[in-house]
């Protein structure tokens, strides 16, 4: 079939030889190949009538399966990108220009993680200096410093509603904090033989997941702090953990070079993603849950089909460990953080490196996209 792509103003941009089962990824890849989408890595949406071609949907799903179908290309503003580094700073970048627009300076040690608030207005950092800091994304001003941990804070994450913060620290349990007051509301302290290596909110924010160094997994009530259930072990030493978007499964990155998908209901391993040659340091889901993205000490990131376990794409170009990898909210791009002191932006459609973010003076520990508007 042929499909004509128009601008919002009605100008013909491209005539594609498409297939009804093409997703947004295939459409944008074809437009890149034709030179109709520039600059490379630009954000865009595809519409047919009043329907948007969402990630995971096909042209047939939006009624654009007939020959001569007309599609409309809507260009979107670039993502903002955040990076955290062992040089003691976090940085805000423009995805199109690769320019650093703001540097968050104030920690007295390595910054292990950085995240946007759900509404994108604030930035949260976790540091080796035993503190977390809340910053204005617009001005770079430090709004609040959270104190109370007595060892390096390895991670800090917002609750889905942005009202609370969940942290993990060396040699202590996970803790829950109020964003408004900076007060520690509770610690999830009972039962683990070791300190909590990881802690995550469930997608609805009602539960907290903790994973200890002995691979014991616990689920807690966010509201009461009560331990709801425990998995004695999920196999190898866990290096990362993530809820699926529907909250039904867990994705684990491990020391034995694989990622694993586990059922929360049964504790059964459903699928193993095999292909890395070294530790899997990070594993996350795509926004629609249909794909899995892993980052490895073998200096690559890989994109996988959640349902089949097949590797769809390998992102190669870093010269050292890839510490983290995440997908953009629309699933069109991948952002990696590496021990080679850089972060890289990639196209999920082609696997091409679109931008390299340079400027940190040490390891880039994590990187993340701004939230979807």
Foldseek 3Di string as FASTA:
>chain_A
DWEWEAEPVGHTQDIDPDAQFDAPLVVVVRSVVVVSDDDPPWDKWKDFVHDTRFVPRGNVNRPQHDPHGYIYIDTDAFWWKWFFFQLQWIFIATPRPLDTPDIQHDGPGGWQDKDAQQVRQWMWTFGQSQWIWIAGPVPSHTDDIQHDGPGGWNDWDAQNVRQKIWTFGAFAEIWIAGPVPSDTPDGLHPDDPTYFPDWDAQLNRQWIWTAGQQQKIWIAGPVPSHTDDIDGHLDAGFQEWDAQNVRQWIWTWHQVQWIWIAGPVPRDTDDIQDDGPGGFNEKDAQLVRQWIWTFFQSQKIWIAGPVPSHTDEIQHDGPGGFNYKDAANRRQWIWTWFQSQWIWIAGPSPSDTDDINHDGPGGTNDMDIRHDD
